[in-house]
PDB file of N, CA and C in Angstrom:
ATOM      1  N   MET A   1     149.588 125.964  18.917  1.00  0.00           N
ATOM      2  CA  MET A   1     149.137 124.967  17.956  1.00  0.00           C
ATOM      3  C   MET A   1     150.201 124.052  17.957  1.00  0.00           C
ATOM      4  N   GLU A   2     151.032 123.384  18.565  1.00  0.00           N
ATOM      5  CA  GLU A   2     151.986 122.435  18.072  1.00  0.00           C
ATOM      6  C   GLU A   2     151.311 121.406  17.375  1.00  0.00           C
ATOM      7  N   SER A   3     150.229 120.934  17.796  1.00  0.00           N
ATOM      8  CA  SER A   3     149.744 119.534  17.314  1.00  0.00           C
ATOM      9  C   SER A   3     149.597 119.738  15.649  1.00  0.00           C
ATOM     10  N   ASP A   4     149.199 120.920  15.418  1.00  0.00           N
ATOM     11  CA  ASP A   4     149.060 120.944  13.830  1.00  0.00           C
ATOM     12  C   ASP A   4     150.313 121.703  13.388  1.00  0.00           C
ATOM     13  N   GLN A   5     151.222 121.864  13.748  1.00  0.00           N
ATOM     14  CA  GLN A   5     152.439 122.591  13.398  1.00  0.00           C
ATOM     15  C   GLN A   5     152.189 124.000  12.697  1.00  0.00           C
ATOM     16  N   GLY A   6     151.238 124.808  13.257  1.00  0.00           N
ATOM     17  CA  GLY A   6     151.126 126.080  12.733  1.00  0.00           C
ATOM     18  C   GLY A   6     150.749 127.130  13.699  1.00  0.00           C
ATOM     19  N   SER A   7     151.044 128.455  13.327  1.00  0.00           N
ATOM     20  CA  SER A   7     150.480 129.645  14.106  1.00  0.00           C
ATOM     21  C   SER A   7     149.418 130.247  13.263  1.00  0.00           C
ATOM     22  N   ALA A   8     148.878 131.159  13.849  1.00  0.00           N
ATOM     23  CA  ALA A   8     147.783 131.962  13.455  1.00  0.00           C
ATOM     24  C   ALA A   8     147.952 133.386  13.768  1.00  0.00           C
ATOM     25  N   LEU A   9     147.603 134.298  12.639  1.00  0.00           N
ATOM     26  CA  LEU A   9     147.803 135.766  12.711  1.00  0.00           C
ATOM     27  C   LEU A   9     146.273 136.123  13.119  1.00  0.00           C
ATOM     28  N   GLY A  10     146.053 136.908  14.078  1.00  0.00           N
ATOM     29  CA  GLY A  10     144.696 137.364  14.512  1.00  0.00           C
ATOM     30  C   GLY A  10     144.235 138.592  13.648  1.00  0.00           C
ATOM     31  N   LEU A  11     144.981 139.567  13.580  1.00  0.00           N
ATOM     32  CA  LEU A  11     144.789 140.809  12.904  1.00  0.00           C
ATOM     33  C   LEU A  11     145.832 141.670  12.571  1.00  0.00           C
ATOM     34  N   LEU A  12     145.842 142.142  11.423  1.00  0.00           N
ATOM     35  CA  LEU A  12     146.977 143.019  10.979  1.00  0.00           C
ATOM     36  C   LEU A  12     146.334 144.291  10.314  1.00  0.00           C
ATOM     37  N   GLN A  13     146.316 145.253  10.864  1.00  0.00           N
ATOM     38  CA  GLN A  13     145.764 146.513  10.231  1.00  0.00           C
ATOM     39  C   GLN A  13     146.643 147.583  10.063  1.00  0.00           C
ATOM     40  N   ILE A  14     146.657 148.201   9.052  1.00  0.00           N
ATOM     41  CA  ILE A  14     147.717 149.381   8.635  1.00  0.00           C
ATOM     42  C   ILE A  14     146.635 150.496   8.396  1.00  0.00           C
ATOM     43  N   ASP A  15     146.980 151.739   8.825  1.00  0.00           N
ATOM     44  CA  ASP A  15     146.143 152.868   8.538  1.00  0.00           C
ATOM     45  C   ASP A  15     145.884 153.308   7.125  1.00  0.00           C
ATOM     46  N   LEU A  16     144.925 153.524   6.760  1.00  0.00           N
ATOM     47  CA  LEU A  16     144.595 153.725   5.295  1.00  0.00           C
ATOM     48  C   LEU A  16     145.427 154.746   4.763  1.00  0.00           C
ATOM     49  N   ALA A  17     145.870 155.735   5.504  1.00  0.00           N
ATOM     50  CA  ALA A  17     146.624 156.736   4.986  1.00  0.00           C
ATOM     51  C   ALA A  17     148.238 156.449   4.661  1.00  0.00           C
ATOM     52  N   ARG A  18     148.455 155.159   5.422  1.00  0.00           N
ATOM     53  CA  ARG A  18     149.630 154.679   5.622  1.00  0.00           C
ATOM     54  C   ARG A  18     150.002 153.503   4.350  1.00  0.00           C
ATOM     55  N   GLN A  19     148.895 152.983   4.124  1.00  0.00           N
ATOM     56  CA  GLN A  19     148.947 151.910   3.090  1.00  0.00           C
ATOM     57  C   GLN A  19     149.694 152.293   1.809  1.00  0.00           C
ATOM     58  N   GLY A  20     150.432 151.380   1.328  1.00  0.00           N
ATOM     59  CA  GLY A  20     151.371 151.688  -0.104  1.00  0.00           C
ATOM     60  C   GLY A  20     152.384 151.981   0.238  1.00  0.00           C
ATOM     61  N   GLN A  21     153.119 152.119   1.631  1.00  0.00           N
ATOM     62  CA  GLN A  21     154.359 152.546   1.901  1.00  0.00           C
ATOM     63  C   GLN A  21     155.207 151.427   2.388  1.00  0.00           C
ATOM     64  N   GLY A  22     154.978 150.084   2.082  1.00  0.00           N
ATOM     65  CA  GLY A  22     155.546 149.116   2.465  1.00  0.00           C
ATOM     66  C   GLY A  22     155.570 148.572   4.295  1.00  0.00           C
ATOM     67  N   ILE A  23     154.650 149.255   4.803  1.00  0.00           N
ATOM     68  CA  ILE A  23     154.669 148.914   6.368  1.00  0.00           C
ATOM     69  C   ILE A  23     153.938 147.612   6.429  1.00  0.00           C
ATOM     70  N   GLY A  24     153.022 147.407   5.554  1.00  0.00           N
ATOM     71  CA  GLY A  24     152.564 146.042   5.917  1.00  0.00           C
ATOM     72  C   GLY A  24     153.300 144.696   5.494  1.00  0.00           C
ATOM     73  N   ALA A  25     154.037 145.207   4.332  1.00  0.00           N
ATOM     74  CA  ALA A  25     154.913 144.076   3.896  1.00  0.00           C
ATOM     75  C   ALA A  25     156.013 143.990   4.976  1.00  0.00           C
ATOM     76  N   ALA A  26     156.439 144.958   5.350  1.00  0.00           N
ATOM     77  CA  ALA A  26     157.624 144.842   6.564  1.00  0.00           C
ATOM     78  C   ALA A  26     157.189 144.242   7.986  1.00  0.00           C
ATOM     79  N   ALA A  27     155.817 144.405   8.366  1.00  0.00           N
ATOM     80  CA  ALA A  27     155.162 144.024   9.367  1.00  0.00           C
ATOM     81  C   ALA A  27     155.015 142.284   9.277  1.00  0.00           C
ATOM     82  N   CYS A  28     154.724 141.984   7.863  1.00  0.00           N
ATOM     83  CA  CYS A  28     154.451 140.425   7.720  1.00  0.00           C
ATOM     84  C   CYS A  28     155.978 139.777   7.845  1.00  0.00           C
ATOM     85  N   ARG A  29     156.991 140.381   7.011  1.00  0.00           N
ATOM     86  CA  ARG A  29     158.251 139.677   7.199  1.00  0.00           C
ATOM     87  C   ARG A  29     158.678 139.671   8.674  1.00  0.00           C
ATOM     88  N   ALA A  30     158.356 140.749   9.449  1.00  0.00           N
ATOM     89  CA  ALA A  30     158.726 140.678  11.211  1.00  0.00           C
ATOM     90  C   ALA A  30     158.161 139.595  11.639  1.00  0.00           C
ATOM     91  N   LEU A  31     156.628 139.592  11.288  1.00  0.00           N
ATOM     92  CA  LEU A  31     155.859 138.421  12.045  1.00  0.00           C
ATOM     93  C   LEU A  31     156.441 136.955  11.653  1.00  0.00           C
ATOM     94  N   GLU A  32     156.773 136.854  10.397  1.00  0.00           N
ATOM     95  CA  GLU A  32     157.295 135.393  10.029  1.00  0.00           C
ATOM     96  C   GLU A  32     158.567 135.317  10.655  1.00  0.00           C
ATOM     97  N   ASP A  33     159.320 136.235  10.710  1.00  0.00           N
ATOM     98  CA  ASP A  33     160.682 136.230  11.372  1.00  0.00           C
ATOM     99  C   ASP A  33     160.571 135.565  12.953  1.00  0.00           C
ATOM    100  N   GLY A  34     159.556 136.397  13.387  1.00  0.00           N
ATOM    101  CA  GLY A  34     159.282 136.203  14.925  1.00  0.00           C
ATOM    102  C   GLY A  34     158.772 134.888  15.445  1.00  0.00           C
ATOM    103  N   VAL A  35     157.872 134.385  14.398  1.00  0.00           N
ATOM    104  CA  VAL A  35     157.309 133.107  14.527  1.00  0.00           C
ATOM    105  C   VAL A  35     158.169 131.831  14.339  1.00  0.00           C
ATOM    106  N   ARG A  36     159.219 132.187  13.277  1.00  0.00           N
ATOM    107  CA  ARG A  36     160.479 131.131  13.272  1.00  0.00           C
ATOM    108  C   ARG A  36     161.298 131.297  14.388  1.00  0.00           C
ATOM    109  N   ALA A  37     161.441 132.423  14.941  1.00  0.00           N
ATOM    110  CA  ALA A  37     162.375 132.412  16.248  1.00  0.00           C
ATOM    111  C   ALA A  37     161.600 131.897  17.316  1.00  0.00           C
ATOM    112  N   ARG A  38     160.445 131.907  17.625  1.00  0.00           N
ATOM    113  CA  ARG A  38     159.643 131.644  18.727  1.00  0.00           C
ATOM    114  C   ARG A  38     159.160 130.240  18.798  1.00  0.00           C
ATOM    115  N   TRP A  39     158.760 129.766  17.579  1.00  0.00           N
ATOM    116  CA  TRP A  39     158.226 128.453  17.501  1.00  0.00           C
ATOM    117  C   TRP A  39     158.768 127.810  16.038  1.00  0.00           C
ATOM    118  N   PRO A  40     160.028 127.297  16.138  1.00  0.00           N
ATOM    119  CA  PRO A  40     160.570 126.719  14.991  1.00  0.00           C
ATOM    120  C   PRO A  40     159.804 125.407  14.544  1.00  0.00           C
ATOM    121  N   TRP A  41     159.079 125.043  15.511  1.00  0.00           N
ATOM    122  CA  TRP A  41     158.488 123.919  14.832  1.00  0.00           C
ATOM    123  C   TRP A  41     157.126 124.146  13.972  1.00  0.00           C
ATOM    124  N   ALA A  42     156.782 125.283  13.815  1.00  0.00           N
ATOM    125  CA  ALA A  42     155.641 125.922  13.164  1.00  0.00           C
ATOM    126  C   ALA A  42     155.917 125.654  11.546  1.00  0.00           C
ATOM    127  N   ARG A  43     155.206 125.102  10.861  1.00  0.00           N
ATOM    128  CA  ARG A  43     155.399 124.801   9.502  1.00  0.00           C
ATOM    129  C   ARG A  43     154.506 125.671   8.579  1.00  0.00           C
ATOM    130  N   ARG A  44     153.589 126.581   8.998  1.00  0.00           N
ATOM    131  CA  ARG A  44     152.699 127.134   8.371  1.00  0.00           C
ATOM    132  C   ARG A  44     152.139 128.407   9.307  1.00  0.00           C
ATOM    133  N   LEU A  45     151.744 129.473   8.714  1.00  0.00           N
ATOM    134  CA  LEU A  45     151.170 130.468   9.345  1.00  0.00           C
ATOM    135  C   LEU A  45     149.954 130.943   8.747  1.00  0.00           C
ATOM    136  N   ARG A  46     148.790 130.764   9.631  1.00  0.00           N
ATOM    137  CA  ARG A  46     147.388 130.872   9.040  1.00  0.00           C
ATOM    138  C   ARG A  46     146.696 132.282   9.490  1.00  0.00           C
ATOM    139  N   LEU A  47     146.085 132.637   8.314  1.00  0.00           N
ATOM    140  CA  LEU A  47     145.339 134.126   8.806  1.00  0.00           C
ATOM    141  C   LEU A  47     143.995 133.967   8.040  1.00  0.00           C
ATOM    142  N   SER A  48     142.973 134.691   8.568  1.00  0.00           N
ATOM    143  CA  SER A  48     141.680 134.837   7.860  1.00  0.00           C
ATOM    144  C   SER A  48     141.449 136.338   7.313  1.00  0.00           C
ATOM    145  N   VAL A  49     140.791 136.378   6.182  1.00  0.00           N
ATOM    146  CA  VAL A  49     140.436 137.641   5.669  1.00  0.00           C
ATOM    147  C   VAL A  49     139.095 137.597   6.051  1.00  0.00           C
ATOM    148  N   VAL A  50     138.459 138.681   6.275  1.00  0.00           N
ATOM    149  CA  VAL A  50     136.799 139.110   6.341  1.00  0.00           C
ATOM    150  C   VAL A  50     136.369 139.389   5.094  1.00  0.00           C
ATOM    151  N   ARG A  51     135.286 138.867   4.600  1.00  0.00           N
ATOM    152  CA  ARG A  51     134.802 138.852   3.294  1.00  0.00           C
ATOM    153  C   ARG A  51     134.573 140.378   2.713  1.00  0.00           C
ATOM    154  N   SER A  52     134.142 140.935   3.903  1.00  0.00           N
ATOM    155  CA  SER A  52     134.139 142.517   3.353  1.00  0.00           C
ATOM    156  C   SER A  52     135.448 143.140   3.092  1.00  0.00           C
ATOM    157  N   ASN A  53     136.525 142.535   3.338  1.00  0.00           N
ATOM    158  CA  ASN A  53     137.802 143.109   3.058  1.00  0.00           C
ATOM    159  C   ASN A  53     138.519 142.385   1.889  1.00  0.00           C
ATOM    160  N   ASP A  54     137.816 141.863   1.099  1.00  0.00           N
ATOM    161  CA  ASP A  54     138.416 141.219  -0.052  1.00  0.00           C
ATOM    162  C   ASP A  54     139.590 141.862  -0.890  1.00  0.00           C
ATOM    163  N   PRO A  55     139.646 143.176  -0.864  1.00  0.00           N
ATOM    164  CA  PRO A  55     140.392 143.809  -1.540  1.00  0.00           C
ATOM    165  C   PRO A  55     141.798 143.468  -0.805  1.00  0.00           C
ATOM    166  N   VAL A  56     141.972 143.060   0.066  1.00  0.00           N
ATOM    167  CA  VAL A  56     143.288 142.745   0.843  1.00  0.00           C
ATOM    168  C   VAL A  56     144.057 141.608   0.445  1.00  0.00           C
ATOM    169  N   LEU A  57     142.971 140.546  -0.146  1.00  0.00           N
ATOM    170  CA  LEU A  57     143.709 139.414  -0.697  1.00  0.00           C
ATOM    171  C   LEU A  57     144.817 139.652  -1.854  1.00  0.00           C
ATOM    172  N   GLY A  58     144.785 140.600  -2.553  1.00  0.00           N
ATOM    173  CA  GLY A  58     146.044 140.714  -3.397  1.00  0.00           C
ATOM    174  C   GLY A  58     147.346 141.197  -2.599  1.00  0.00           C
ATOM    175  N   PHE A  59     147.275 141.672  -1.419  1.00  0.00           N
ATOM    176  CA  PHE A  59     148.421 141.943  -0.665  1.00  0.00           C
ATOM    177  C   PHE A  59     148.992 140.666   0.113  1.00  0.00           C
ATOM    178  N   TRP A  60     148.066 139.757   0.444  1.00  0.00           N
ATOM    179  CA  TRP A  60     148.498 138.385   0.879  1.00  0.00           C
ATOM    180  C   TRP A  60     148.967 137.501   0.010  1.00  0.00           C
ATOM    181  N   HIS A  61     148.553 137.606  -1.207  1.00  0.00           N
ATOM    182  CA  HIS A  61     148.856 136.717  -2.385  1.00  0.00           C
ATOM    183  C   HIS A  61     150.502 137.231  -2.447  1.00  0.00           C
ATOM    184  N   ARG A  62     150.585 138.639  -2.678  1.00  0.00           N
ATOM    185  CA  ARG A  62     152.032 138.986  -2.858  1.00  0.00           C
ATOM    186  C   ARG A  62     153.124 138.863  -1.738  1.00  0.00           C
ATOM    187  N   MET A  63     152.427 138.461  -0.518  1.00  0.00           N
ATOM    188  CA  MET A  63     153.155 137.968   0.439  1.00  0.00           C
ATOM    189  C   MET A  63     153.531 136.465   0.785  1.00  0.00           C
ATOM    190  N   GLY A  64     152.767 135.786  -0.334  1.00  0.00           N
ATOM    191  CA  GLY A  64     153.118 134.378  -0.749  1.00  0.00           C
ATOM    192  C   GLY A  64     151.954 133.459   0.128  1.00  0.00           C
ATOM    193  N   PHE A  65     150.958 134.014   0.544  1.00  0.00           N
ATOM    194  CA  PHE A  65     149.744 133.174   1.246  1.00  0.00           C
ATOM    195  C   PHE A  65     149.117 132.761   0.167  1.00  0.00           C
ATOM    196  N   THR A  66     148.226 131.513   0.161  1.00  0.00           N
ATOM    197  CA  THR A  66     147.445 131.254  -0.447  1.00  0.00           C
ATOM    198  C   THR A  66     146.193 130.875   0.121  1.00  0.00           C
ATOM    199  N   GLU A  67     144.929 130.916  -0.875  1.00  0.00           N
ATOM    200  CA  GLU A  67     143.637 130.806  -0.240  1.00  0.00           C
ATOM    201  C   GLU A  67     143.372 129.235  -0.170  1.00  0.00           C
ATOM    202  N   THR A  68     142.976 128.745   1.035  1.00  0.00           N
ATOM    203  CA  THR A  68     142.542 127.308   1.282  1.00  0.00           C
ATOM    204  C   THR A  68     140.954 126.931   0.789  1.00  0.00           C
ATOM    205  N   GLY A  69     140.137 127.931   0.559  1.00  0.00           N
ATOM    206  CA  GLY A  69     138.926 127.676   0.195  1.00  0.00           C
ATOM    207  C   GLY A  69     137.803 127.509   1.411  1.00  0.00           C
ATOM    208  N   GLU A  70     138.567 127.518   2.619  1.00  0.00           N
ATOM    209  CA  GLU A  70     137.803 127.367   3.752  1.00  0.00           C
ATOM    210  C   GLU A  70     137.049 128.655   4.050  1.00  0.00           C
ATOM    211  N   VAL A  71     135.755 128.541   4.451  1.00  0.00           N
ATOM    212  CA  VAL A  71     134.952 129.717   4.767  1.00  0.00           C
ATOM    213  C   VAL A  71     134.446 129.443   6.366  1.00  0.00           C
ATOM    214  N   ARG A  72     134.526 130.384   7.057  1.00  0.00           N
ATOM    215  CA  ARG A  72     134.039 130.125   8.429  1.00  0.00           C
ATOM    216  C   ARG A  72     133.191 131.523   8.882  1.00  0.00           C
ATOM    217  N   PRO A  73     132.141 131.250   9.552  1.00  0.00           N
ATOM    218  CA  PRO A  73     131.586 132.519   9.923  1.00  0.00           C
ATOM    219  C   PRO A  73     132.633 133.604  10.829  1.00  0.00           C
ATOM    220  N   CYS A  74     132.261 134.767  10.783  1.00  0.00           N
ATOM    221  CA  CYS A  74     133.208 135.719  11.578  1.00  0.00           C
ATOM    222  C   CYS A  74     132.832 135.684  12.895  1.00  0.00           C
ATOM    223  N   ALA A  75     133.678 135.349  13.793  1.00  0.00           N
ATOM    224  CA  ALA A  75     133.372 135.643  15.101  1.00  0.00           C
ATOM    225  C   ALA A  75     133.478 137.229  15.782  1.00  0.00           C
ATOM    226  N   THR A  76     132.366 137.325  16.319  1.00  0.00           N
ATOM    227  CA  THR A  76     132.103 138.732  16.744  1.00  0.00           C
ATOM    228  C   THR A  76     131.861 138.886  18.210  1.00  0.00           C
ATOM    229  N   THR A  77     132.313 140.037  18.840  1.00  0.00           N
ATOM    230  CA  THR A  77     132.485 140.179  20.196  1.00  0.00           C
ATOM    231  C   THR A  77     131.325 141.396  20.373  1.00  0.00           C
ATOM    232  N   SER A  78     130.505 141.265  21.530  1.00  0.00           N
ATOM    233  CA  SER A  78     129.893 142.452  21.765  1.00  0.00           C
ATOM    234  C   SER A  78     130.180 142.947  23.268  1.00  0.00           C
ATOM    235  N   SER A  79     129.726 144.427  23.264  1.00  0.00           N
ATOM    236  CA  SER A  79     130.123 144.826  24.518  1.00  0.00           C
ATOM    237  C   SER A  79     128.802 145.560  25.169  1.00  0.00           C
ATOM    238  N   SER A  80     128.484 145.365  26.465  1.00  0.00           N
ATOM    239  CA  SER A  80     127.401 146.190  26.901  1.00  0.00           C
ATOM    240  C   SER A  80     127.655 147.791  26.982  1.00  0.00           C
ATOM    241  N   PRO A  81     126.506 148.352  26.674  1.00  0.00           N
ATOM    242  CA  PRO A  81     126.490 149.903  26.711  1.00  0.00           C
ATOM    243  C   PRO A  81     126.869 150.284  28.125  1.00  0.00           C
ATOM    244  N   ARG A  82     127.762 151.344  28.438  1.00  0.00           N
ATOM    245  CA  ARG A  82     127.968 151.829  29.516  1.00  0.00           C
ATOM    246  C   ARG A  82     126.794 152.542  30.192  1.00  0.00           C
TER     247      ARG A  82
END
């Protein structure tokens, strides 16, 4: 995404039994470090939160992210039954 000087996070999930142990924060810091190393031109990191997972907003706020107010429909994928 060089044209808008940003990178996007697709999905970060931490097993419910492992939450609250600093794993998500460590993953977030590693992600930020990796983005800086690989894409030094990137000036922001964008992520989306699914509305049904609003409780995670507090985590992202603690990590320094802010809400833009933008709302988009959630992209879904479907697979054919075997």
